[in-house]
Amino acid sequence: MAAPALASLLISCPVRHRALSLAPTPAPLVSGGGCSSPRPPGERLGPTTRRPHIIRCSAANKPSPSTEISSTAKIRSEVLSPFRSVRMFFYLAFMASGALGGLISITRLVPALVNSSRAADLPEILKGFGIDLGAVLLFAFLYTRESSAKNAQLAKLSREENLSKLKLRVDGNRSIAVGDLRGVARLVILAGPASYIADSFARSKPYTDGLVERGVLVVPFATDGNTPRFDLDEIDEEDEAIVDKKKRLWRLSPLYTSEWAKWLDEQKKLANVSLDSPVYLSLRMDGRVRGSGVGYPPWNALVAQLPPVKGLWSGLLDGMDGRVL
């Protein structure tokens, strides 16, 4: 009797289902160290009141742009080292051949050690196994060295590609990218306080003519936020050409300084140089780094080593900018 009575009682008491609204709920209010969510006026919170909570999560797994290797850098790496992939392929093939020969030698070595009747073949088997093992180790070393050189070259080319994307301001009017000056000028980038830029400007005065003839353009980047002052001496009208050359030599300025600072800080960290140290970078005509260092750039060495961009030897010596660092 108890069971039918209980069933009739459950049927007679309908269950009220609370409708779930799909309308967007107001964002939770956060104050202090706790969290509270707004509720409609008049609603009382009790032990049976439960509100649905929606949690949204998002994650960005993309690597940093500074660590990505562009397709342009990979193509340039293949152009600079066209036979590297072929060498690495043959190294792998020789490693596989040596490993296969070693396995065959092991299958012959085990029966020779177990069966005394085959003991006479043991020295020959050990000799073959040693040759196969040595070949595997040798070509593994060569492959590892080639792979390390490839990764280092790709990283260097990637950094140079990032440098080529940085923006420059020309004469304060228009902006160009560093890569736009490939084949046109040899850039010398100066990064340091404004006093360091001013001293570098003063040191370059005796070599202004030679630097301009060799297509050198200076990019001064003051890391302390101050504007360097270039003191152009007041001279006669007959020396206006010298003033024009000085202005042409120092006509560039970095644009979007935060991106320049980020790129330079990465280079300093890779070279184990203090972030506060003034540095210079000298680029070749093709945009690759030919020289860098801490302190003032060697203006006299640039004039002595670089060929002029005009004249009899201009086309022949365009690539003789020095070795790439």
C-alpha atoms as a PDB file:
ATOM      1  CA  MET A   1       0.000   0.000   0.000  1.00  0.00           C
ATOM      2  CA  ALA A   2       2.880   2.366   0.709  1.00  0.00           C
ATOM      3  CA  ALA A   3       4.246   2.150  -2.831  1.00  0.00           C
ATOM      4  CA  PRO A   4       0.997   3.118  -4.653  1.00  0.00           C
ATOM      5  CA  ALA A   5       0.440   5.953  -2.198  1.00  0.00           C
ATOM      6  CA  LEU A   6       3.951   7.290  -2.799  1.00  0.00           C
ATOM      7  CA  ALA A   7       3.495   7.065  -6.588  1.00  0.00           C
ATOM      8  CA  SER A   8       0.201   8.949  -6.423  1.00  0.00           C
ATOM      9  CA  LEU A   9       1.831  11.593  -4.281  1.00  0.00           C
ATOM     10  CA  LEU A  10       4.664  12.137  -6.815  1.00  0.00           C
ATOM     11  CA  ILE A  11       2.177  12.382  -9.697  1.00  0.00           C
ATOM     12  CA  SER A  12       0.022  14.914  -7.884  1.00  0.00           C
ATOM     13  CA  CYS A  13       3.012  17.243  -7.195  1.00  0.00           C
ATOM     14  CA  PRO A  14       4.333  18.531 -10.558  1.00  0.00           C
ATOM     15  CA  VAL A  15       7.957  19.584 -10.834  1.00  0.00           C
ATOM     16  CA  ARG A  16       8.559  23.149 -11.885  1.00  0.00           C
ATOM     17  CA  HIS A  17      11.399  23.453 -14.320  1.00  0.00           C
ATOM     18  CA  ARG A  18      13.263  26.777 -14.325  1.00  0.00           C
ATOM     19  CA  ALA A  19      13.725  28.084 -17.835  1.00  0.00           C
ATOM     20  CA  LEU A  20      17.304  28.905 -18.748  1.00  0.00           C
ATOM     21  CA  SER A  21      17.560  32.222 -20.510  1.00  0.00           C
ATOM     22  CA  LEU A  22      19.967  32.443 -23.409  1.00  0.00           C
ATOM     23  CA  ALA A  23      20.212  36.200 -23.222  1.00  0.00           C
ATOM     24  CA  PRO A  24      23.695  37.518 -22.405  1.00  0.00           C
ATOM     25  CA  THR A  25      24.218  38.122 -18.705  1.00  0.00           C
ATOM     26  CA  PRO A  26      25.984  41.194 -17.379  1.00  0.00           C
ATOM     27  CA  ALA A  27      29.684  40.857 -16.706  1.00  0.00           C
ATOM     28  CA  PRO A  28      30.654  40.091 -13.104  1.00  0.00           C
ATOM     29  CA  LEU A  29      31.803  42.987 -10.967  1.00  0.00           C
ATOM     30  CA  VAL A  30      35.135  42.600  -9.268  1.00  0.00           C
ATOM     31  CA  SER A  31      35.987  44.668  -6.224  1.00  0.00           C
ATOM     32  CA  GLY A  32      38.775  44.084  -3.803  1.00  0.00           C
ATOM     33  CA  GLY A  33      39.719  40.482  -3.464  1.00  0.00           C
ATOM     34  CA  GLY A  34      36.265  38.983  -4.023  1.00  0.00           C
ATOM     35  CA  CYS A  35      33.868  38.564  -6.940  1.00  0.00           C
ATOM     36  CA  SER A  36      30.155  39.312  -7.122  1.00  0.00           C
ATOM     37  CA  SER A  37      27.711  38.988  -9.971  1.00  0.00           C
ATOM     38  CA  PRO A  38      24.701  41.306 -10.473  1.00  0.00           C
ATOM     39  CA  ARG A  39      21.238  39.850  -9.887  1.00  0.00           C
ATOM     40  CA  PRO A  40      17.783  41.051 -10.767  1.00  0.00           C
ATOM     41  CA  PRO A  41      16.150  43.210  -8.116  1.00  0.00           C
ATOM     42  CA  GLY A  42      13.953  41.307  -5.720  1.00  0.00           C
ATOM     43  CA  GLU A  43      15.724  37.993  -6.189  1.00  0.00           C
ATOM     44  CA  ARG A  44      16.781  36.432  -2.914  1.00  0.00           C
ATOM     45  CA  LEU A  45      19.860  34.294  -2.681  1.00  0.00           C
ATOM     46  CA  GLY A  46      19.323  31.113  -0.766  1.00  0.00           C
ATOM     47  CA  PRO A  47      20.933  27.730  -0.396  1.00  0.00           C
ATOM     48  CA  THR A  48      18.946  26.394  -3.369  1.00  0.00           C
ATOM     49  CA  THR A  49      19.697  29.302  -5.726  1.00  0.00           C
ATOM     50  CA  ARG A  50      22.185  28.350  -8.430  1.00  0.00           C
ATOM     51  CA  ARG A  51      23.189  30.493 -11.361  1.00  0.00           C
ATOM     52  CA  PRO A  52      24.924  29.188 -14.491  1.00  0.00           C
ATOM     53  CA  HIS A  53      28.492  30.425 -15.075  1.00  0.00           C
ATOM     54  CA  ILE A  54      30.178  30.602 -18.441  1.00  0.00           C
ATOM     55  CA  ILE A  55      33.974  30.453 -18.621  1.00  0.00           C
ATOM     56  CA  ARG A  56      35.712  31.418 -21.820  1.00  0.00           C
ATOM     57  CA  CYS A  57      39.356  30.576 -22.385  1.00  0.00           C
ATOM     58  CA  SER A  58      41.636  31.582 -25.211  1.00  0.00           C
ATOM     59  CA  ALA A  59      45.292  30.962 -25.881  1.00  0.00           C
ATOM     60  CA  ALA A  60      47.742  32.126 -28.511  1.00  0.00           C
ATOM     61  CA  ASN A  61      50.284  29.483 -29.372  1.00  0.00           C
ATOM     62  CA  LYS A  62      51.934  31.440 -32.153  1.00  0.00           C
ATOM     63  CA  PRO A  63      55.662  31.959 -31.703  1.00  0.00           C
ATOM     64  CA  SER A  64      57.163  35.382 -31.346  1.00  0.00           C
ATOM     65  CA  PRO A  65      57.697  37.210 -34.659  1.00  0.00           C
ATOM     66  CA  SER A  66      61.405  37.580 -33.805  1.00  0.00           C
ATOM     67  CA  THR A  67      61.815  33.792 -33.681  1.00  0.00           C
ATOM     68  CA  GLU A  68      59.999  32.975 -36.927  1.00  0.00           C
ATOM     69  CA  ILE A  69      62.086  32.093 -39.981  1.00  0.00           C
ATOM     70  CA  SER A  70      60.667  33.777 -43.056  1.00  0.00           C
ATOM     71  CA  SER A  71      60.545  32.122 -46.452  1.00  0.00           C
ATOM     72  CA  THR A  72      62.795  34.865 -47.792  1.00  0.00           C
ATOM     73  CA  ALA A  73      65.492  33.943 -45.272  1.00  0.00           C
ATOM     74  CA  LYS A  74      65.227  30.268 -46.265  1.00  0.00           C
ATOM     75  CA  ILE A  75      65.550  31.115 -49.950  1.00  0.00           C
ATOM     76  CA  ARG A  76      68.580  33.310 -49.286  1.00  0.00           C
ATOM     77  CA  SER A  77      70.132  30.522 -47.248  1.00  0.00           C
ATOM     78  CA  GLU A  78      69.699  28.115 -50.144  1.00  0.00           C
ATOM     79  CA  VAL A  79      71.257  30.637 -52.510  1.00  0.00           C
ATOM     80  CA  LEU A  80      74.239  31.232 -50.232  1.00  0.00           C
ATOM     81  CA  SER A  81      74.791  27.490 -49.617  1.00  0.00           C
ATOM     82  CA  PRO A  82      73.281  25.669 -52.619  1.00  0.00           C
ATOM     83  CA  PHE A  83      74.910  22.281 -51.948  1.00  0.00           C
ATOM     84  CA  ARG A  84      74.208  22.080 -48.227  1.00  0.00           C
ATOM     85  CA  SER A  85      70.985  20.103 -48.669  1.00  0.00           C
ATOM     86  CA  VAL A  86      72.757  17.673 -50.995  1.00  0.00           C
ATOM     87  CA  ARG A  87      75.548  17.127 -48.483  1.00  0.00           C
ATOM     88  CA  MET A  88      73.083  16.567 -45.655  1.00  0.00           C
ATOM     89  CA  PHE A  89      71.182  14.031 -47.792  1.00  0.00           C
ATOM     90  CA  PHE A  90      74.340  12.032 -48.498  1.00  0.00           C
ATOM     91  CA  TYR A  91      75.352  12.184 -44.843  1.00  0.00           C
ATOM     92  CA  LEU A  92      72.023  10.607 -43.895  1.00  0.00           C
ATOM     93  CA  ALA A  93      72.389   7.988 -46.641  1.00  0.00           C
ATOM     94  CA  PHE A  94      75.887   7.047 -45.461  1.00  0.00           C
ATOM     95  CA  MET A  95      74.662   6.874 -41.866  1.00  0.00           C
ATOM     96  CA  ALA A  96      71.856   4.521 -42.903  1.00  0.00           C
ATOM     97  CA  SER A  97      74.287   2.379 -44.913  1.00  0.00           C
ATOM     98  CA  GLY A  98      76.700   2.160 -41.976  1.00  0.00           C
ATOM     99  CA  ALA A  99      73.896   1.313 -39.563  1.00  0.00           C
ATOM    100  CA  LEU A 100      72.651  -1.447 -41.879  1.00  0.00           C
ATOM    101  CA  GLY A 101      76.160  -2.843 -42.193  1.00  0.00           C
ATOM    102  CA  GLY A 102      76.522  -2.760 -38.414  1.00  0.00           C
ATOM    103  CA  LEU A 103      73.316  -4.722 -37.954  1.00  0.00           C
ATOM    104  CA  ILE A 104      74.510  -7.342 -40.420  1.00  0.00           C
ATOM    105  CA  SER A 105      77.827  -7.559 -38.567  1.00  0.00           C
ATOM    106  CA  ILE A 106      75.998  -8.060 -35.270  1.00  0.00           C
ATOM    107  CA  THR A 107      73.983 -10.934 -36.748  1.00  0.00           C
ATOM    108  CA  ARG A 108      77.291 -12.561 -37.730  1.00  0.00           C
ATOM    109  CA  LEU A 109      79.056 -11.649 -34.491  1.00  0.00           C
ATOM    110  CA  VAL A 110      76.603 -13.327 -32.132  1.00  0.00           C
ATOM    111  CA  PRO A 111      76.865 -16.825 -33.742  1.00  0.00           C
ATOM    112  CA  ALA A 112      80.667 -16.464 -33.885  1.00  0.00           C
ATOM    113  CA  LEU A 113      80.786 -15.818 -30.143  1.00  0.00           C
ATOM    114  CA  VAL A 114      78.457 -18.712 -29.353  1.00  0.00           C
ATOM    115  CA  ASN A 115      79.867 -21.292 -31.759  1.00  0.00           C
ATOM    116  CA  SER A 116      83.579 -21.993 -31.316  1.00  0.00           C
ATOM    117  CA  SER A 117      83.817 -23.391 -34.846  1.00  0.00           C
ATOM    118  CA  ARG A 118      83.274 -19.874 -36.213  1.00  0.00           C
ATOM    119  CA  ALA A 119      85.846 -18.273 -33.966  1.00  0.00           C
ATOM    120  CA  ALA A 120      88.227 -17.902 -36.911  1.00  0.00           C
ATOM    121  CA  ASP A 121      85.841 -15.375 -38.530  1.00  0.00           C
ATOM    122  CA  LEU A 122      85.675 -13.266 -35.369  1.00  0.00           C
ATOM    123  CA  PRO A 123      88.541 -10.826 -36.194  1.00  0.00           C
ATOM    124  CA  GLU A 124      87.127 -10.092 -39.642  1.00  0.00           C
ATOM    125  CA  ILE A 125      83.633  -9.563 -38.260  1.00  0.00           C
ATOM    126  CA  LEU A 126      84.917  -7.209 -35.559  1.00  0.00           C
ATOM    127  CA  LYS A 127      86.904  -5.268 -38.150  1.00  0.00           C
ATOM    128  CA  GLY A 128      83.815  -4.786 -40.340  1.00  0.00           C
ATOM    129  CA  PHE A 129      81.707  -3.802 -37.353  1.00  0.00           C
ATOM    130  CA  GLY A 130      84.289  -1.230 -36.289  1.00  0.00           C
ATOM    131  CA  ILE A 131      84.363   0.280 -39.776  1.00  0.00           C
ATOM    132  CA  ASP A 132      80.579   0.532 -39.879  1.00  0.00           C
ATOM    133  CA  LEU A 133      80.427   2.057 -36.397  1.00  0.00           C
ATOM    134  CA  GLY A 134      83.142   4.588 -37.250  1.00  0.00           C
ATOM    135  CA  ALA A 135      81.325   5.557 -40.459  1.00  0.00           C
ATOM    136  CA  VAL A 136      78.068   6.132 -38.570  1.00  0.00           C
ATOM    137  CA  LEU A 137      79.792   8.288 -35.956  1.00  0.00           C
ATOM    138  CA  LEU A 138      81.732  10.277 -38.561  1.00  0.00           C
ATOM    139  CA  PHE A 139      78.755  11.088 -40.766  1.00  0.00           C
ATOM    140  CA  ALA A 140      76.587  11.806 -37.711  1.00  0.00           C
ATOM    141  CA  PHE A 141      79.173  14.377 -36.629  1.00  0.00           C
ATOM    142  CA  LEU A 142      79.279  15.922 -40.102  1.00  0.00           C
ATOM    143  CA  TYR A 143      75.492  16.046 -40.305  1.00  0.00           C
ATOM    144  CA  THR A 144      75.211  17.670 -36.871  1.00  0.00           C
ATOM    145  CA  ARG A 145      77.808  20.281 -37.761  1.00  0.00           C
ATOM    146  CA  GLU A 146      76.085  21.042 -41.073  1.00  0.00           C
ATOM    147  CA  SER A 147      72.705  21.304 -39.370  1.00  0.00           C
ATOM    148  CA  SER A 148      74.095  23.679 -36.727  1.00  0.00           C
ATOM    149  CA  ALA A 149      75.647  25.858 -39.427  1.00  0.00           C
ATOM    150  CA  LYS A 150      72.342  25.921 -41.303  1.00  0.00           C
ATOM    151  CA  ASN A 151      70.385  26.941 -38.200  1.00  0.00           C
ATOM    152  CA  ALA A 152      72.919  29.652 -37.352  1.00  0.00           C
ATOM    153  CA  GLN A 153      72.776  31.009 -40.890  1.00  0.00           C
ATOM    154  CA  LEU A 154      68.974  30.997 -40.908  1.00  0.00           C
ATOM    155  CA  ALA A 155      68.875  32.819 -37.575  1.00  0.00           C
ATOM    156  CA  LYS A 156      71.329  35.431 -38.840  1.00  0.00           C
ATOM    157  CA  LEU A 157      69.431  35.937 -42.094  1.00  0.00           C
ATOM    158  CA  SER A 158      66.171  36.163 -40.160  1.00  0.00           C
ATOM    159  CA  ARG A 159      67.609  38.914 -37.953  1.00  0.00           C
ATOM    160  CA  GLU A 160      68.798  40.751 -41.048  1.00  0.00           C
ATOM    161  CA  GLU A 161      65.348  40.424 -42.596  1.00  0.00           C
ATOM    162  CA  ASN A 162      63.819  41.892 -39.442  1.00  0.00           C
ATOM    163  CA  LEU A 163      66.310  44.747 -39.696  1.00  0.00           C
ATOM    164  CA  SER A 164      65.345  45.358 -43.320  1.00  0.00           C
ATOM    165  CA  LYS A 165      61.712  45.850 -42.265  1.00  0.00           C
ATOM    166  CA  LEU A 166      62.496  48.657 -39.818  1.00  0.00           C
ATOM    167  CA  LYS A 167      61.408  52.105 -40.958  1.00  0.00           C
ATOM    168  CA  LEU A 168      63.527  55.191 -41.574  1.00  0.00           C
ATOM    169  CA  ARG A 169      62.595  58.824 -41.947  1.00  0.00           C
ATOM    170  CA  VAL A 170      64.316  60.688 -44.787  1.00  0.00           C
ATOM    171  CA  ASP A 171      64.820  64.435 -44.305  1.00  0.00           C
ATOM    172  CA  GLY A 172      61.860  64.434 -41.917  1.00  0.00           C
ATOM    173  CA  ASN A 173      59.379  64.161 -44.795  1.00  0.00           C
ATOM    174  CA  ARG A 174      58.947  60.609 -46.059  1.00  0.00           C
ATOM    175  CA  SER A 175      59.540  57.145 -44.650  1.00  0.00           C
ATOM    176  CA  ILE A 176      61.223  54.135 -46.207  1.00  0.00           C
ATOM    177  CA  ALA A 177      62.307  50.703 -45.026  1.00  0.00           C
ATOM    178  CA  VAL A 178      65.915  49.729 -44.467  1.00  0.00           C
ATOM    179  CA  GLY A 179      65.550  47.086 -47.175  1.00  0.00           C
ATOM    180  CA  ASP A 180      64.697  49.769 -49.724  1.00  0.00           C
ATOM    181  CA  LEU A 181      68.319  50.961 -49.554  1.00  0.00           C
ATOM    182  CA  ARG A 182      69.816  47.642 -50.679  1.00  0.00           C
ATOM    183  CA  GLY A 183      72.082  48.251 -53.619  1.00  0.00           C
ATOM    184  CA  VAL A 184      71.835  52.005 -53.036  1.00  0.00           C
ATOM    185  CA  ALA A 185      73.703  52.838 -49.821  1.00  0.00           C
ATOM    186  CA  ARG A 186      75.830  51.379 -47.045  1.00  0.00           C
ATOM    187  CA  LEU A 187      74.220  52.104 -43.701  1.00  0.00           C
ATOM    188  CA  VAL A 188      76.085  52.733 -40.452  1.00  0.00           C
ATOM    189  CA  ILE A 189      73.732  52.438 -37.470  1.00  0.00           C
ATOM    190  CA  LEU A 190      74.717  54.258 -34.277  1.00  0.00           C
ATOM    191  CA  ALA A 191      72.867  53.378 -31.053  1.00  0.00           C
ATOM    192  CA  GLY A 192      73.686  55.173 -27.835  1.00  0.00           C
ATOM    193  CA  PRO A 193      73.011  58.330 -25.836  1.00  0.00           C
ATOM    194  CA  ALA A 194      72.783  61.686 -27.585  1.00  0.00           C
ATOM    195  CA  SER A 195      76.297  62.623 -26.426  1.00  0.00           C
ATOM    196  CA  TYR A 196      77.684  59.500 -28.123  1.00  0.00           C
ATOM    197  CA  ILE A 197      75.889  60.434 -31.369  1.00  0.00           C
ATOM    198  CA  ALA A 198      77.281  63.979 -31.210  1.00  0.00           C
ATOM    199  CA  ASP A 199      80.832  62.705 -30.621  1.00  0.00           C
ATOM    200  CA  SER A 200      80.500  60.295 -33.544  1.00  0.00           C
ATOM    201  CA  PHE A 201      79.353  63.168 -35.717  1.00  0.00           C
ATOM    202  CA  ALA A 202      82.374  65.221 -34.706  1.00  0.00           C
ATOM    203  CA  ARG A 203      84.738  62.314 -35.404  1.00  0.00           C
ATOM    204  CA  SER A 204      83.261  61.819 -38.898  1.00  0.00           C
ATOM    205  CA  LYS A 205      83.908  65.390 -40.072  1.00  0.00           C
ATOM    206  CA  PRO A 206      87.418  64.747 -41.497  1.00  0.00           C
ATOM    207  CA  TYR A 207      86.095  61.782 -43.519  1.00  0.00           C
ATOM    208  CA  THR A 208      82.850  63.322 -44.818  1.00  0.00           C
ATOM    209  CA  ASP A 209      83.936  63.430 -48.464  1.00  0.00           C
ATOM    210  CA  GLY A 210      85.206  59.846 -48.468  1.00  0.00           C
ATOM    211  CA  LEU A 211      82.130  58.494 -46.717  1.00  0.00           C
ATOM    212  CA  VAL A 212      79.740  60.216 -49.130  1.00  0.00           C
ATOM    213  CA  GLU A 213      81.715  58.964 -52.136  1.00  0.00           C
ATOM    214  CA  ARG A 214      81.372  55.407 -50.806  1.00  0.00           C
ATOM    215  CA  GLY A 215      77.612  55.676 -50.384  1.00  0.00           C
ATOM    216  CA  VAL A 216      77.638  55.658 -46.585  1.00  0.00           C
ATOM    217  CA  LEU A 217      74.525  56.890 -44.782  1.00  0.00           C
ATOM    218  CA  VAL A 218      74.374  57.186 -41.001  1.00  0.00           C
ATOM    219  CA  VAL A 219      71.324  56.223 -38.914  1.00  0.00           C
ATOM    220  CA  PRO A 220      71.675  57.868 -35.476  1.00  0.00           C
ATOM    221  CA  PHE A 221      69.465  56.330 -32.785  1.00  0.00           C
ATOM    222  CA  ALA A 222      69.581  58.080 -29.409  1.00  0.00           C
ATOM    223  CA  THR A 223      68.681  55.509 -26.782  1.00  0.00           C
ATOM    224  CA  ASP A 224      68.221  58.065 -23.978  1.00  0.00           C
ATOM    225  CA  GLY A 225      65.337  59.832 -25.732  1.00  0.00           C
ATOM    226  CA  ASN A 226      67.235  63.063 -26.301  1.00  0.00           C
ATOM    227  CA  THR A 227      67.654  64.560 -29.744  1.00  0.00           C
ATOM    228  CA  PRO A 228      71.304  64.709 -30.813  1.00  0.00           C
ATOM    229  CA  ARG A 229      72.472  68.084 -32.007  1.00  0.00           C
ATOM    230  CA  PHE A 230      74.573  68.193 -35.136  1.00  0.00           C
ATOM    231  CA  ASP A 231      76.598  71.367 -35.097  1.00  0.00           C
ATOM    232  CA  LEU A 232      77.152  72.325 -38.723  1.00  0.00           C
ATOM    233  CA  ASP A 233      79.865  74.964 -38.757  1.00  0.00           C
ATOM    234  CA  GLU A 234      78.996  78.301 -40.297  1.00  0.00           C
ATOM    235  CA  ILE A 235      81.123  78.522 -43.400  1.00  0.00           C
ATOM    236  CA  ASP A 236      81.368  80.620 -46.526  1.00  0.00           C
ATOM    237  CA  GLU A 237      79.244  80.154 -49.601  1.00  0.00           C
ATOM    238  CA  GLU A 238      82.130  78.519 -51.427  1.00  0.00           C
ATOM    239  CA  ASP A 239      81.971  75.638 -48.955  1.00  0.00           C
ATOM    240  CA  GLU A 240      78.243  74.989 -49.256  1.00  0.00           C
ATOM    241  CA  ALA A 241      79.055  71.682 -50.962  1.00  0.00           C
ATOM    242  CA  ILE A 242      80.633  70.430 -47.729  1.00  0.00           C
ATOM    243  CA  VAL A 243      77.517  71.310 -45.762  1.00  0.00           C
ATOM    244  CA  ASP A 244      75.386  69.521 -48.336  1.00  0.00           C
ATOM    245  CA  LYS A 245      77.525  66.390 -47.999  1.00  0.00           C
ATOM    246  CA  LYS A 246      77.224  66.460 -44.218  1.00  0.00           C
ATOM    247  CA  LYS A 247      73.465  66.783 -44.449  1.00  0.00           C
ATOM    248  CA  ARG A 248      73.355  63.964 -46.977  1.00  0.00           C
ATOM    249  CA  LEU A 249      75.470  61.747 -44.706  1.00  0.00           C
ATOM    250  CA  TRP A 250      73.240  62.336 -41.650  1.00  0.00           C
ATOM    251  CA  ARG A 251      69.860  62.698 -43.382  1.00  0.00           C
ATOM    252  CA  LEU A 252      68.282  59.503 -41.998  1.00  0.00           C
ATOM    253  CA  SER A 253      66.575  58.993 -38.648  1.00  0.00           C
ATOM    254  CA  PRO A 254      64.833  55.916 -37.202  1.00  0.00           C
ATOM    255  CA  LEU A 255      61.053  55.722 -37.270  1.00  0.00           C
ATOM    256  CA  TYR A 256      59.056  53.729 -34.674  1.00  0.00           C
ATOM    257  CA  THR A 257      61.884  53.801 -32.163  1.00  0.00           C
ATOM    258  CA  SER A 258      60.346  51.066 -30.001  1.00  0.00           C
ATOM    259  CA  GLU A 259      60.867  48.529 -32.802  1.00  0.00           C
ATOM    260  CA  TRP A 260      64.452  49.727 -33.287  1.00  0.00           C
ATOM    261  CA  ALA A 261      65.126  49.433 -29.556  1.00  0.00           C
ATOM    262  CA  LYS A 262      63.708  45.902 -29.471  1.00  0.00           C
ATOM    263  CA  TRP A 263      65.857  44.755 -32.389  1.00  0.00           C
ATOM    264  CA  LEU A 264      69.030  46.315 -30.970  1.00  0.00           C
ATOM    265  CA  ASP A 265      68.416  44.831 -27.514  1.00  0.00           C
ATOM    266  CA  GLU A 266      68.107  41.360 -29.072  1.00  0.00           C
ATOM    267  CA  GLN A 267      71.441  41.825 -30.865  1.00  0.00           C
ATOM    268  CA  LYS A 268      73.133  42.983 -27.669  1.00  0.00           C
ATOM    269  CA  LYS A 269      71.842  39.993 -25.739  1.00  0.00           C
ATOM    270  CA  LEU A 270      73.099  37.597 -28.422  1.00  0.00           C
ATOM    271  CA  ALA A 271      76.523  39.286 -28.368  1.00  0.00           C
ATOM    272  CA  ASN A 272      76.634  39.391 -24.534  1.00  0.00           C
ATOM    273  CA  VAL A 273      76.895  43.182 -24.595  1.00  0.00           C
ATOM    274  CA  SER A 274      75.448  45.399 -21.893  1.00  0.00           C
ATOM    275  CA  LEU A 275      72.171  47.022 -22.904  1.00  0.00           C
ATOM    276  CA  ASP A 276      73.540  50.438 -21.905  1.00  0.00           C
ATOM    277  CA  SER A 277      76.651  50.187 -24.081  1.00  0.00           C
ATOM    278  CA  PRO A 278      76.807  52.382 -27.211  1.00  0.00           C
ATOM    279  CA  VAL A 279      77.244  50.246 -30.320  1.00  0.00           C
ATOM    280  CA  TYR A 280      77.524  50.628 -34.078  1.00  0.00           C
ATOM    281  CA  LEU A 281      76.649  48.361 -37.003  1.00  0.00           C
ATOM    282  CA  SER A 282      78.004  48.681 -40.514  1.00  0.00           C
ATOM    283  CA  LEU A 283      75.945  47.189 -43.352  1.00  0.00           C
ATOM    284  CA  ARG A 284      77.117  46.121 -46.766  1.00  0.00           C
ATOM    285  CA  MET A 285      75.561  47.299 -49.994  1.00  0.00           C
ATOM    286  CA  ASP A 286      73.362  44.172 -50.033  1.00  0.00           C
ATOM    287  CA  GLY A 287      72.023  44.905 -46.540  1.00  0.00           C
ATOM    288  CA  ARG A 288      74.031  42.297 -44.639  1.00  0.00           C
ATOM    289  CA  VAL A 289      76.040  43.153 -41.518  1.00  0.00           C
ATOM    290  CA  ARG A 290      79.743  43.547 -42.332  1.00  0.00           C
ATOM    291  CA  GLY A 291      80.965  44.940 -39.020  1.00  0.00           C
ATOM    292  CA  SER A 292      79.826  45.854 -35.523  1.00  0.00           C
ATOM    293  CA  GLY A 293      81.327  46.794 -32.216  1.00  0.00           C
ATOM    294  CA  VAL A 294      81.114  48.723 -28.982  1.00  0.00           C
ATOM    295  CA  GLY A 295      82.187  52.355 -29.097  1.00  0.00           C
ATOM    296  CA  TYR A 296      82.774  54.707 -31.978  1.00  0.00           C
ATOM    297  CA  PRO A 297      82.699  53.499 -35.596  1.00  0.00           C
ATOM    298  CA  PRO A 298      86.067  53.443 -37.406  1.00  0.00           C
ATOM    299  CA  TRP A 299      85.382  56.120 -39.998  1.00  0.00           C
ATOM    300  CA  ASN A 300      88.956  55.972 -41.317  1.00  0.00           C
ATOM    301  CA  ALA A 301      88.740  52.197 -41.828  1.00  0.00           C
ATOM    302  CA  LEU A 302      85.453  52.542 -43.727  1.00  0.00           C
ATOM    303  CA  VAL A 303      87.006  55.069 -46.086  1.00  0.00           C
ATOM    304  CA  ALA A 304      90.083  52.878 -46.585  1.00  0.00           C
ATOM    305  CA  GLN A 305      88.249  49.570 -47.118  1.00  0.00           C
ATOM    306  CA  LEU A 306      85.079  50.461 -49.019  1.00  0.00           C
ATOM    307  CA  PRO A 307      85.159  51.131 -52.774  1.00  0.00           C
ATOM    308  CA  PRO A 308      83.468  54.250 -54.157  1.00  0.00           C
ATOM    309  CA  VAL A 309      79.989  53.918 -55.608  1.00  0.00           C
ATOM    310  CA  LYS A 310      80.902  55.974 -58.674  1.00  0.00           C
ATOM    311  CA  GLY A 311      83.794  55.793 -61.054  1.00  0.00           C
ATOM    312  CA  LEU A 312      85.734  53.166 -62.939  1.00  0.00           C
ATOM    313  CA  TRP A 313      85.625  50.496 -60.199  1.00  0.00           C
ATOM    314  CA  SER A 314      82.064  51.035 -58.995  1.00  0.00           C
ATOM    315  CA  GLY A 315      80.416  48.107 -60.773  1.00  0.00           C
ATOM    316  CA  LEU A 316      83.333  45.729 -60.374  1.00  0.00           C
ATOM    317  CA  LEU A 317      83.786  46.264 -56.624  1.00  0.00           C
ATOM    318  CA  ASP A 318      80.143  46.474 -55.555  1.00  0.00           C
ATOM    319  CA  GLY A 319      80.409  43.165 -53.709  1.00  0.00           C
ATOM    320  CA  MET A 320      83.773  43.886 -52.101  1.00  0.00           C
ATOM    321  CA  ASP A 321      82.237  45.282 -48.907  1.00  0.00           C
ATOM    322  CA  GLY A 322      84.034  42.877 -46.616  1.00  0.00           C
ATOM    323  CA  ARG A 323      83.086  39.548 -45.170  1.00  0.00           C
ATOM    324  CA  VAL A 324      79.780  39.015 -43.411  1.00  0.00           C
ATOM    325  CA  LEU A 325      79.865  38.675 -39.638  1.00  0.00           C
END
